[in-house]
Amino acid sequence: MAVTVSTKNMKRSPFFYVGDKFKLLPQLKANFPKEIKRFIEPFCGGGSVFLNVDADSYLLNDIDKNMICLHKFLLAYSNEPNIFWSEVERLIISYNLSATFMGRLVPQGLRKQFVKTYFAKYNKEAYHRMRADYNANHNPFLLYLLMIYGFNRFLRFNSNGEFNLPVGNVDFNQRVVNALNEYFERVQGKQIEFFNLDFQEFLEIIRPTAGDLVYLDPPYLITFSEYNKLWNEESEMRLIDSLDQLNARKVRFAVSNILWHRTRYNGVFNRWAQQYNIVNIQSNYISFHDNTAKDSIEVLVKNF
């Protein structure tokens, strides 16, 4: 199937989630059915996929409770974005953070002294104060700002549940503004429900039916990102079992996965996938720990 690789008309998630499917969306959408009653995502992450799929309603789940909290937070402001922006701008000014979309620029002297790291140098002290305040009051506005100004825009917490990501060399810029406004516009008036469950429990509770599409982008067994540390061989077998159950009930599913990554091979998934429709996906997998493109084989496996 010939597909376009342009993401020109695709909406970017305002979470800039590591490992999201934004760049692959044209290929994924080309392999999705045109008519979808409920779009169901057991691993929704930052939401890049659901934001670009048309369906009657959306059931979205992720094991990361903080990501789901932020989705619900933004969804609650979708009908009154002006209130959201007013508070964001107030907080940026209050903490004295840079924000190019507001014209709050890093002083020229600092830009010349720290050519490659001036955002981090300028925002570090304010970021630390904001992080301490969030850990004391759990204000979701602060959590979102911490992610945007944080290193690699992660959500990371220590064993005591305290946000502990260091400041990043990033800024609240027009790209972030555009992604947020597109999120508000896209979810406005939609039937969307978020869940924070294990993927198998989620599927058992919602009971997908024949008119639905279940799209799964689970952690990858053979790659090395932070998110994938939550996944093991037992998880992979539970995933395969759940997919076979969906197929037995004539529920449409599509699942992304990596078959080869460098010298590692996911034989269990590859052997299982042979009974279904396997579509090769053109991608350059990039790991957080090593951001060079790797020799990988990514696929989309579907039962329709």
C-alpha atoms as a PDB file:
ATOM      1  CA  MET A   1       0.000   0.000   0.000  1.00  0.00           C
ATOM      2  CA  ALA A   2       1.406   3.376  -0.992  1.00  0.00           C
ATOM      3  CA  VAL A   3       1.319   5.864   1.873  1.00  0.00           C
ATOM      4  CA  THR A   4       2.283   9.462   2.353  1.00  0.00           C
ATOM      5  CA  VAL A   5       4.813  10.321   5.038  1.00  0.00           C
ATOM      6  CA  SER A   6       3.747  13.950   5.386  1.00  0.00           C
ATOM      7  CA  THR A   7       2.457  14.956   8.819  1.00  0.00           C
ATOM      8  CA  LYS A   8       1.358  18.384   7.598  1.00  0.00           C
ATOM      9  CA  ASN A   9      -2.299  17.884   8.541  1.00  0.00           C
ATOM     10  CA  MET A  10      -1.648  15.852  11.689  1.00  0.00           C
ATOM     11  CA  LYS A  11      -2.227  17.220  15.187  1.00  0.00           C
ATOM     12  CA  ARG A  12       0.720  17.032  17.575  1.00  0.00           C
ATOM     13  CA  SER A  13       0.163  15.978  21.174  1.00  0.00           C
ATOM     14  CA  PRO A  14       0.916  18.784  23.684  1.00  0.00           C
ATOM     15  CA  PHE A  15       2.819  16.232  25.777  1.00  0.00           C
ATOM     16  CA  PHE A  16       5.584  15.635  23.209  1.00  0.00           C
ATOM     17  CA  TYR A  17       5.644  12.100  24.560  1.00  0.00           C
ATOM     18  CA  VAL A  18       8.860  10.120  24.046  1.00  0.00           C
ATOM     19  CA  GLY A  19       8.181   7.293  21.608  1.00  0.00           C
ATOM     20  CA  ASP A  20       4.879   8.694  20.374  1.00  0.00           C
ATOM     21  CA  LYS A  21       3.606   7.786  16.921  1.00  0.00           C
ATOM     22  CA  PHE A  22       3.279  11.293  15.469  1.00  0.00           C
ATOM     23  CA  LYS A  23       5.725  10.781  12.579  1.00  0.00           C
ATOM     24  CA  LEU A  24       4.152   7.419  11.725  1.00  0.00           C
ATOM     25  CA  LEU A  25       0.544   8.601  11.777  1.00  0.00           C
ATOM     26  CA  PRO A  26       0.082   8.754   7.979  1.00  0.00           C
ATOM     27  CA  GLN A  27       1.129   5.112   7.713  1.00  0.00           C
ATOM     28  CA  LEU A  28      -1.014   4.016  10.654  1.00  0.00           C
ATOM     29  CA  LYS A  29      -4.127   5.857   9.485  1.00  0.00           C
ATOM     30  CA  ALA A  30      -3.787   4.364   6.013  1.00  0.00           C
ATOM     31  CA  ASN A  31      -4.199   0.955   7.656  1.00  0.00           C
ATOM     32  CA  PHE A  32      -7.117   1.825   9.941  1.00  0.00           C
ATOM     33  CA  PRO A  33     -10.744   1.205   8.926  1.00  0.00           C
ATOM     34  CA  LYS A  34     -12.749   4.215   7.754  1.00  0.00           C
ATOM     35  CA  GLU A  35     -15.701   3.581  10.054  1.00  0.00           C
ATOM     36  CA  ILE A  36     -14.968   3.264  13.771  1.00  0.00           C
ATOM     37  CA  LYS A  37     -17.621   3.140  16.463  1.00  0.00           C
ATOM     38  CA  ARG A  38     -15.307   3.308  19.475  1.00  0.00           C
ATOM     39  CA  PHE A  39     -11.587   3.971  19.171  1.00  0.00           C
ATOM     40  CA  ILE A  40      -9.946   2.101  22.028  1.00  0.00           C
ATOM     41  CA  GLU A  41      -6.349   2.593  23.146  1.00  0.00           C
ATOM     42  CA  PRO A  42      -5.006   0.493  26.035  1.00  0.00           C
ATOM     43  CA  PHE A  43      -1.659   2.385  25.836  1.00  0.00           C
ATOM     44  CA  CYS A  44      -2.645   5.930  24.857  1.00  0.00           C
ATOM     45  CA  GLY A  45       0.498   7.710  26.108  1.00  0.00           C
ATOM     46  CA  GLY A  46       0.513  11.331  24.986  1.00  0.00           C
ATOM     47  CA  GLY A  47      -2.481  10.805  22.717  1.00  0.00           C
ATOM     48  CA  SER A  48      -1.009  11.479  19.280  1.00  0.00           C
ATOM     49  CA  VAL A  49      -2.988   8.658  17.694  1.00  0.00           C
ATOM     50  CA  PHE A  50      -6.454   9.311  19.100  1.00  0.00           C
ATOM     51  CA  LEU A  51      -6.102  13.018  18.302  1.00  0.00           C
ATOM     52  CA  ASN A  52      -5.876  12.102  14.622  1.00  0.00           C
ATOM     53  CA  VAL A  53      -8.493   9.368  14.339  1.00  0.00           C
ATOM     54  CA  ASP A  54     -12.193   9.950  13.671  1.00  0.00           C
ATOM     55  CA  ALA A  55     -14.546   7.802  15.718  1.00  0.00           C
ATOM     56  CA  ASP A  56     -17.940   8.077  17.409  1.00  0.00           C
ATOM     57  CA  SER A  57     -16.296   7.896  20.838  1.00  0.00           C
ATOM     58  CA  TYR A  58     -12.936   7.234  22.486  1.00  0.00           C
ATOM     59  CA  LEU A  59     -11.903   4.977  25.363  1.00  0.00           C
ATOM     60  CA  LEU A  60      -8.319   5.742  26.364  1.00  0.00           C
ATOM     61  CA  ASN A  61      -6.119   4.085  28.948  1.00  0.00           C
ATOM     62  CA  ASP A  62      -2.575   4.248  30.252  1.00  0.00           C
ATOM     63  CA  ILE A  63      -0.809   2.709  33.229  1.00  0.00           C
ATOM     64  CA  ASP A  64       0.879   6.072  33.942  1.00  0.00           C
ATOM     65  CA  LYS A  65      -1.535   7.775  36.349  1.00  0.00           C
ATOM     66  CA  ASN A  66       0.165  11.159  35.939  1.00  0.00           C
ATOM     67  CA  MET A  67      -0.242  11.117  32.168  1.00  0.00           C
ATOM     68  CA  ILE A  68      -3.933  10.279  32.550  1.00  0.00           C
ATOM     69  CA  CYS A  69      -4.248  13.041  35.166  1.00  0.00           C
ATOM     70  CA  LEU A  70      -2.851  15.550  32.670  1.00  0.00           C
ATOM     71  CA  HIS A  71      -5.147  14.348  29.885  1.00  0.00           C
ATOM     72  CA  LYS A  72      -8.160  14.794  32.160  1.00  0.00           C
ATOM     73  CA  PHE A  73      -6.834  18.183  33.251  1.00  0.00           C
ATOM     74  CA  LEU A  74      -6.579  19.476  29.670  1.00  0.00           C
ATOM     75  CA  LEU A  75      -9.905  17.914  28.710  1.00  0.00           C
ATOM     76  CA  ALA A  76     -11.568  19.850  31.552  1.00  0.00           C
ATOM     77  CA  TYR A  77     -10.351  23.149  30.058  1.00  0.00           C
ATOM     78  CA  SER A  78     -11.228  22.364  26.438  1.00  0.00           C
ATOM     79  CA  ASN A  79     -14.438  24.411  26.648  1.00  0.00           C
ATOM     80  CA  GLU A  80     -12.769  27.347  28.398  1.00  0.00           C
ATOM     81  CA  PRO A  81      -9.186  27.579  27.050  1.00  0.00           C
ATOM     82  CA  ASN A  82      -8.971  31.288  27.880  1.00  0.00           C
ATOM     83  CA  ILE A  83      -9.051  30.416  31.589  1.00  0.00           C
ATOM     84  CA  PHE A  84      -6.287  27.870  31.022  1.00  0.00           C
ATOM     85  CA  TRP A  85      -4.077  30.361  29.174  1.00  0.00           C
ATOM     86  CA  SER A  86      -4.674  33.071  31.739  1.00  0.00           C
ATOM     87  CA  GLU A  87      -3.417  30.826  34.532  1.00  0.00           C
ATOM     88  CA  VAL A  88      -0.447  29.529  32.518  1.00  0.00           C
ATOM     89  CA  GLU A  89       0.687  33.070  31.743  1.00  0.00           C
ATOM     90  CA  ARG A  90       0.203  34.132  35.358  1.00  0.00           C
ATOM     91  CA  LEU A  91       2.389  31.269  36.587  1.00  0.00           C
ATOM     92  CA  ILE A  92       5.112  31.899  34.004  1.00  0.00           C
ATOM     93  CA  ILE A  93       5.318  35.525  35.112  1.00  0.00           C
ATOM     94  CA  SER A  94       5.105  34.599  38.793  1.00  0.00           C
ATOM     95  CA  TYR A  95       8.053  32.179  38.560  1.00  0.00           C
ATOM     96  CA  ASN A  96       9.941  34.417  36.099  1.00  0.00           C
ATOM     97  CA  LEU A  97      10.327  31.710  33.456  1.00  0.00           C
ATOM     98  CA  SER A  98      11.256  32.338  29.855  1.00  0.00           C
ATOM     99  CA  ALA A  99       8.424  32.007  27.337  1.00  0.00           C
ATOM    100  CA  THR A 100       9.101  33.050  23.774  1.00  0.00           C
ATOM    101  CA  PHE A 101       5.393  32.895  22.901  1.00  0.00           C
ATOM    102  CA  MET A 102       4.866  35.721  25.427  1.00  0.00           C
ATOM    103  CA  GLY A 103       7.943  37.649  24.346  1.00  0.00           C
ATOM    104  CA  ARG A 104       9.746  36.654  27.579  1.00  0.00           C
ATOM    105  CA  LEU A 105      13.217  36.155  26.129  1.00  0.00           C
ATOM    106  CA  VAL A 106      16.465  35.097  27.763  1.00  0.00           C
ATOM    107  CA  PRO A 107      18.777  38.160  28.092  1.00  0.00           C
ATOM    108  CA  GLN A 108      21.223  38.519  25.217  1.00  0.00           C
ATOM    109  CA  GLY A 109      24.235  38.391  27.547  1.00  0.00           C
ATOM    110  CA  LEU A 110      23.232  34.978  28.859  1.00  0.00           C
ATOM    111  CA  ARG A 111      22.541  33.751  25.330  1.00  0.00           C
ATOM    112  CA  LYS A 112      26.078  34.701  24.298  1.00  0.00           C
ATOM    113  CA  GLN A 113      27.684  33.215  27.425  1.00  0.00           C
ATOM    114  CA  PHE A 114      25.817  29.907  27.252  1.00  0.00           C
ATOM    115  CA  VAL A 115      25.153  29.498  23.544  1.00  0.00           C
ATOM    116  CA  LYS A 116      23.755  25.968  23.719  1.00  0.00           C
ATOM    117  CA  THR A 117      22.269  25.884  27.234  1.00  0.00           C
ATOM    118  CA  TYR A 118      20.894  29.364  27.911  1.00  0.00           C
ATOM    119  CA  PHE A 119      17.289  28.220  28.500  1.00  0.00           C
ATOM    120  CA  ALA A 120      18.434  25.809  31.222  1.00  0.00           C
ATOM    121  CA  LYS A 121      20.716  28.409  32.813  1.00  0.00           C
ATOM    122  CA  TYR A 122      17.976  31.043  32.860  1.00  0.00           C
ATOM    123  CA  ASN A 123      15.112  28.826  34.072  1.00  0.00           C
ATOM    124  CA  LYS A 124      16.941  26.554  36.537  1.00  0.00           C
ATOM    125  CA  GLU A 125      16.262  28.458  39.766  1.00  0.00           C
ATOM    126  CA  ALA A 126      12.624  29.161  38.874  1.00  0.00           C
ATOM    127  CA  TYR A 127      12.143  25.545  37.813  1.00  0.00           C
ATOM    128  CA  HIS A 128      13.424  24.257  41.156  1.00  0.00           C
ATOM    129  CA  ARG A 129      11.026  26.552  43.044  1.00  0.00           C
ATOM    130  CA  MET A 130       8.157  25.417  40.854  1.00  0.00           C
ATOM    131  CA  ARG A 131       9.097  21.766  41.380  1.00  0.00           C
ATOM    132  CA  ALA A 132       9.146  22.206  45.166  1.00  0.00           C
ATOM    133  CA  ASP A 133       5.759  23.918  45.056  1.00  0.00           C
ATOM    134  CA  TYR A 134       4.262  21.137  42.933  1.00  0.00           C
ATOM    135  CA  ASN A 135       5.527  18.459  45.313  1.00  0.00           C
ATOM    136  CA  ALA A 136       3.817  20.367  48.124  1.00  0.00           C
ATOM    137  CA  ASN A 137       0.461  21.127  46.462  1.00  0.00           C
ATOM    138  CA  HIS A 138       0.136  18.851  43.365  1.00  0.00           C
ATOM    139  CA  ASN A 139      -1.283  21.637  41.217  1.00  0.00           C
ATOM    140  CA  PRO A 140      -1.805  20.139  37.715  1.00  0.00           C
ATOM    141  CA  PHE A 141      -0.908  23.460  36.088  1.00  0.00           C
ATOM    142  CA  LEU A 142       2.517  23.180  37.711  1.00  0.00           C
ATOM    143  CA  LEU A 143       2.891  19.558  36.641  1.00  0.00           C
ATOM    144  CA  TYR A 144       2.258  20.472  33.018  1.00  0.00           C
ATOM    145  CA  LEU A 145       4.729  23.370  33.203  1.00  0.00           C
ATOM    146  CA  LEU A 146       7.329  21.119  34.837  1.00  0.00           C
ATOM    147  CA  MET A 147       7.009  18.695  31.958  1.00  0.00           C
ATOM    148  CA  ILE A 148       7.305  21.432  29.316  1.00  0.00           C
ATOM    149  CA  TYR A 149      10.357  23.018  30.964  1.00  0.00           C
ATOM    150  CA  GLY A 150      11.851  19.699  32.119  1.00  0.00           C
ATOM    151  CA  PHE A 151      14.621  17.553  30.699  1.00  0.00           C
ATOM    152  CA  ASN A 152      13.413  15.731  27.567  1.00  0.00           C
ATOM    153  CA  ARG A 153       9.849  16.610  28.657  1.00  0.00           C
ATOM    154  CA  PHE A 154       9.531  13.475  30.784  1.00  0.00           C
ATOM    155  CA  LEU A 155       7.224  12.776  33.706  1.00  0.00           C
ATOM    156  CA  ARG A 156       9.507  11.314  36.365  1.00  0.00           C
ATOM    157  CA  PHE A 157       8.978  10.736  40.076  1.00  0.00           C
ATOM    158  CA  ASN A 158      11.093   9.267  42.874  1.00  0.00           C
ATOM    159  CA  SER A 159      10.071   6.433  45.186  1.00  0.00           C
ATOM    160  CA  ASN A 160       8.329   8.935  47.484  1.00  0.00           C
ATOM    161  CA  GLY A 161       6.123  10.138  44.649  1.00  0.00           C
ATOM    162  CA  GLU A 162       7.966  13.454  44.284  1.00  0.00           C
ATOM    163  CA  PHE A 163       8.576  14.923  40.854  1.00  0.00           C
ATOM    164  CA  ASN A 164      12.361  14.851  40.402  1.00  0.00           C
ATOM    165  CA  LEU A 165      13.123  15.671  36.768  1.00  0.00           C
ATOM    166  CA  PRO A 166      15.858  18.308  36.292  1.00  0.00           C
ATOM    167  CA  VAL A 167      15.360  21.440  34.228  1.00  0.00           C
ATOM    168  CA  GLY A 168      15.686  21.077  30.462  1.00  0.00           C
ATOM    169  CA  ASN A 169      17.210  23.339  27.870  1.00  0.00           C
ATOM    170  CA  VAL A 170      13.743  24.108  26.485  1.00  0.00           C
ATOM    171  CA  ASP A 171      11.203  26.885  26.437  1.00  0.00           C
ATOM    172  CA  PHE A 172       7.444  27.390  26.330  1.00  0.00           C
ATOM    173  CA  ASN A 173       7.293  28.377  22.672  1.00  0.00           C
ATOM    174  CA  GLN A 174       4.736  28.759  19.889  1.00  0.00           C
ATOM    175  CA  ARG A 175       5.020  25.082  19.004  1.00  0.00           C
ATOM    176  CA  VAL A 176       3.723  24.161  22.460  1.00  0.00           C
ATOM    177  CA  VAL A 177       0.977  26.774  22.197  1.00  0.00           C
ATOM    178  CA  ASN A 178      -0.154  25.397  18.841  1.00  0.00           C
ATOM    179  CA  ALA A 179      -0.219  21.818  20.129  1.00  0.00           C
ATOM    180  CA  LEU A 180      -2.290  22.810  23.166  1.00  0.00           C
ATOM    181  CA  ASN A 181      -4.793  24.796  21.127  1.00  0.00           C
ATOM    182  CA  GLU A 182      -5.148  21.939  18.643  1.00  0.00           C
ATOM    183  CA  TYR A 183      -5.725  19.525  21.555  1.00  0.00           C
ATOM    184  CA  PHE A 184      -8.466  21.753  22.974  1.00  0.00           C
ATOM    185  CA  GLU A 185     -10.070  22.072  19.552  1.00  0.00           C
ATOM    186  CA  ARG A 186      -9.875  18.368  18.796  1.00  0.00           C
ATOM    187  CA  VAL A 187     -11.339  17.052  22.066  1.00  0.00           C
ATOM    188  CA  GLN A 188     -14.046  19.702  22.355  1.00  0.00           C
ATOM    189  CA  GLY A 189     -17.490  18.105  22.218  1.00  0.00           C
ATOM    190  CA  LYS A 190     -16.068  14.591  21.765  1.00  0.00           C
ATOM    191  CA  GLN A 191     -17.135  11.567  23.814  1.00  0.00           C
ATOM    192  CA  ILE A 192     -13.858  10.757  25.553  1.00  0.00           C
ATOM    193  CA  GLU A 193     -13.272   8.669  28.642  1.00  0.00           C
ATOM    194  CA  PHE A 194      -9.881   8.116  30.269  1.00  0.00           C
ATOM    195  CA  PHE A 195      -8.812   5.120  32.376  1.00  0.00           C
ATOM    196  CA  ASN A 196      -5.765   4.316  34.504  1.00  0.00           C
ATOM    197  CA  LEU A 197      -5.617   0.522  34.521  1.00  0.00           C
ATOM    198  CA  ASP A 198      -3.497  -2.425  33.496  1.00  0.00           C
ATOM    199  CA  PHE A 199      -4.187  -2.928  29.773  1.00  0.00           C
ATOM    200  CA  GLN A 200      -5.739  -6.368  30.262  1.00  0.00           C
ATOM    201  CA  GLU A 201      -8.062  -5.169  33.024  1.00  0.00           C
ATOM    202  CA  PHE A 202      -9.041  -2.206  30.851  1.00  0.00           C
ATOM    203  CA  LEU A 203     -10.016  -4.461  27.937  1.00  0.00           C
ATOM    204  CA  GLU A 204     -12.007  -6.767  30.214  1.00  0.00           C
ATOM    205  CA  ILE A 205     -13.965  -3.844  31.666  1.00  0.00           C
ATOM    206  CA  ILE A 206     -14.879  -2.091  28.413  1.00  0.00           C
ATOM    207  CA  ARG A 207     -15.564  -5.281  26.386  1.00  0.00           C
ATOM    208  CA  PRO A 208     -14.803  -4.150  22.807  1.00  0.00           C
ATOM    209  CA  THR A 209     -17.303  -5.147  20.127  1.00  0.00           C
ATOM    210  CA  ALA A 210     -17.231  -5.697  16.374  1.00  0.00           C
ATOM    211  CA  GLY A 211     -17.726  -2.039  15.420  1.00  0.00           C
ATOM    212  CA  ASP A 212     -14.759  -0.861  17.495  1.00  0.00           C
ATOM    213  CA  LEU A 213     -11.063  -0.558  16.693  1.00  0.00           C
ATOM    214  CA  VAL A 214      -8.529  -1.435  19.374  1.00  0.00           C
ATOM    215  CA  TYR A 215      -5.164   0.138  18.605  1.00  0.00           C
ATOM    216  CA  LEU A 216      -2.258  -0.903  20.817  1.00  0.00           C
ATOM    217  CA  ASP A 217       1.195   0.627  21.061  1.00  0.00           C
ATOM    218  CA  PRO A 218       2.650  -1.298  23.994  1.00  0.00           C
ATOM    219  CA  PRO A 219       6.146  -0.938  25.425  1.00  0.00           C
ATOM    220  CA  TYR A 220       8.587  -2.803  23.210  1.00  0.00           C
ATOM    221  CA  LEU A 221      10.207  -5.900  24.660  1.00  0.00           C
ATOM    222  CA  ILE A 222      13.537  -5.526  22.839  1.00  0.00           C
ATOM    223  CA  THR A 223      14.233  -1.769  23.035  1.00  0.00           C
ATOM    224  CA  PHE A 224      15.726   0.318  25.798  1.00  0.00           C
ATOM    225  CA  SER A 225      13.604   3.386  26.528  1.00  0.00           C
ATOM    226  CA  GLU A 226      12.555   4.260  30.083  1.00  0.00           C
ATOM    227  CA  TYR A 227       8.932   3.375  29.355  1.00  0.00           C
ATOM    228  CA  ASN A 228       9.876  -0.099  28.136  1.00  0.00           C
ATOM    229  CA  LYS A 229      11.422  -1.006  31.487  1.00  0.00           C
ATOM    230  CA  LEU A 230       7.850  -1.660  32.669  1.00  0.00           C
ATOM    231  CA  TRP A 231       7.488  -4.511  30.163  1.00  0.00           C
ATOM    232  CA  ASN A 232       8.740  -8.115  30.267  1.00  0.00           C
ATOM    233  CA  GLU A 233       8.141 -11.515  28.666  1.00  0.00           C
ATOM    234  CA  GLU A 234       5.090 -12.155  30.838  1.00  0.00           C
ATOM    235  CA  SER A 235       3.595  -8.826  29.729  1.00  0.00           C
ATOM    236  CA  GLU A 236       4.205  -9.774  26.082  1.00  0.00           C
ATOM    237  CA  MET A 237       2.405 -13.091  26.521  1.00  0.00           C
ATOM    238  CA  ARG A 238      -0.549 -11.379  28.231  1.00  0.00           C
ATOM    239  CA  LEU A 239      -0.696  -8.976  25.291  1.00  0.00           C
ATOM    240  CA  ILE A 240      -0.731 -11.819  22.750  1.00  0.00           C
ATOM    241  CA  ASP A 241      -3.431 -13.653  24.688  1.00  0.00           C
ATOM    242  CA  SER A 242      -5.598 -10.516  24.833  1.00  0.00           C
ATOM    243  CA  LEU A 243      -5.246  -9.980  21.085  1.00  0.00           C
ATOM    244  CA  ASP A 244      -6.234 -13.562  20.313  1.00  0.00           C
ATOM    245  CA  GLN A 245      -9.291 -13.138  22.515  1.00  0.00           C
ATOM    246  CA  LEU A 246     -10.262  -9.985  20.636  1.00  0.00           C
ATOM    247  CA  ASN A 247      -9.892 -11.809  17.341  1.00  0.00           C
ATOM    248  CA  ALA A 248     -12.030 -14.712  18.565  1.00  0.00           C
ATOM    249  CA  ARG A 249     -14.795 -12.196  19.331  1.00  0.00           C
ATOM    250  CA  LYS A 250     -14.369 -10.613  15.854  1.00  0.00           C
ATOM    251  CA  VAL A 251     -13.099  -7.342  17.318  1.00  0.00           C
ATOM    252  CA  ARG A 252     -10.772  -5.420  14.992  1.00  0.00           C
ATOM    253  CA  PHE A 253      -7.315  -4.729  16.402  1.00  0.00           C
ATOM    254  CA  ALA A 254      -4.061  -3.194  15.179  1.00  0.00           C
ATOM    255  CA  VAL A 255      -0.889  -3.440  17.234  1.00  0.00           C
ATOM    256  CA  SER A 256       2.490  -1.750  16.732  1.00  0.00           C
ATOM    257  CA  ASN A 257       5.700  -3.519  17.648  1.00  0.00           C
ATOM    258  CA  ILE A 258       9.409  -3.876  16.899  1.00  0.00           C
ATOM    259  CA  LEU A 259      10.530  -7.273  15.557  1.00  0.00           C
ATOM    260  CA  TRP A 260      14.240  -6.490  15.257  1.00  0.00           C
ATOM    261  CA  HIS A 261      16.267  -3.850  17.068  1.00  0.00           C
ATOM    262  CA  ARG A 262      20.009  -3.838  16.456  1.00  0.00           C
ATOM    263  CA  THR A 263      20.955  -7.438  17.346  1.00  0.00           C
ATOM    264  CA  ARG A 264      17.815  -8.234  19.337  1.00  0.00           C
ATOM    265  CA  TYR A 265      14.913 -10.215  17.905  1.00  0.00           C
ATOM    266  CA  ASN A 266      11.372 -10.599  19.246  1.00  0.00           C
ATOM    267  CA  GLY A 267      10.769 -14.145  18.071  1.00  0.00           C
ATOM    268  CA  VAL A 268       7.698 -14.784  20.208  1.00  0.00           C
ATOM    269  CA  PHE A 269       5.780 -11.838  18.771  1.00  0.00           C
ATOM    270  CA  ASN A 270       6.970 -12.511  15.224  1.00  0.00           C
ATOM    271  CA  ARG A 271       5.846 -16.141  15.280  1.00  0.00           C
ATOM    272  CA  TRP A 272       2.474 -15.170  16.735  1.00  0.00           C
ATOM    273  CA  ALA A 273       1.988 -12.404  14.149  1.00  0.00           C
ATOM    274  CA  GLN A 274       2.226 -14.769  11.176  1.00  0.00           C
ATOM    275  CA  GLN A 275      -1.452 -15.694  11.522  1.00  0.00           C
ATOM    276  CA  TYR A 276      -2.503 -12.071  10.977  1.00  0.00           C
ATOM    277  CA  ASN A 277      -1.887  -9.266   8.488  1.00  0.00           C
ATOM    278  CA  ILE A 278       1.631  -7.859   8.920  1.00  0.00           C
ATOM    279  CA  VAL A 279       2.365  -4.377   7.545  1.00  0.00           C
ATOM    280  CA  ASN A 280       5.943  -3.069   7.487  1.00  0.00           C
ATOM    281  CA  ILE A 281       6.228   0.442   8.898  1.00  0.00           C
ATOM    282  CA  GLN A 282       8.976   2.796   7.747  1.00  0.00           C
ATOM    283  CA  SER A 283      10.526   4.227  10.889  1.00  0.00           C
ATOM    284  CA  ASN A 284      13.823   5.236  12.429  1.00  0.00           C
ATOM    285  CA  TYR A 285      13.636   4.074  16.026  1.00  0.00           C
ATOM    286  CA  ILE A 286      15.480   6.421  18.383  1.00  0.00           C
ATOM    287  CA  SER A 287      16.269   5.561  21.990  1.00  0.00           C
ATOM    288  CA  PHE A 288      16.463   8.123  24.797  1.00  0.00           C
ATOM    289  CA  HIS A 289      19.835   6.646  25.775  1.00  0.00           C
ATOM    290  CA  ASP A 290      21.224   6.722  22.231  1.00  0.00           C
ATOM    291  CA  ASN A 291      19.603   9.125  19.803  1.00  0.00           C
ATOM    292  CA  THR A 292      21.097   7.773  16.596  1.00  0.00           C
ATOM    293  CA  ALA A 293      18.853   5.902  14.167  1.00  0.00           C
ATOM    294  CA  LYS A 294      18.992   2.132  14.605  1.00  0.00           C
ATOM    295  CA  ASP A 295      18.530  -0.832  12.303  1.00  0.00           C
ATOM    296  CA  SER A 296      15.042  -1.849  13.334  1.00  0.00           C
ATOM    297  CA  ILE A 297      12.042  -3.548  11.810  1.00  0.00           C
ATOM    298  CA  GLU A 298       8.775  -2.006  12.973  1.00  0.00           C
ATOM    299  CA  VAL A 299       5.440  -3.523  12.046  1.00  0.00           C
ATOM    300  CA  LEU A 300       1.739  -3.004  12.401  1.00  0.00           C
ATOM    301  CA  VAL A 301      -0.126  -6.265  12.902  1.00  0.00           C
ATOM    302  CA  LYS A 302      -3.862  -6.266  12.303  1.00  0.00           C
ATOM    303  CA  ASN A 303      -6.640  -8.822  12.031  1.00  0.00           C
ATOM    304  CA  PHE A 304      -8.596  -7.180   9.209  1.00  0.00           C
END
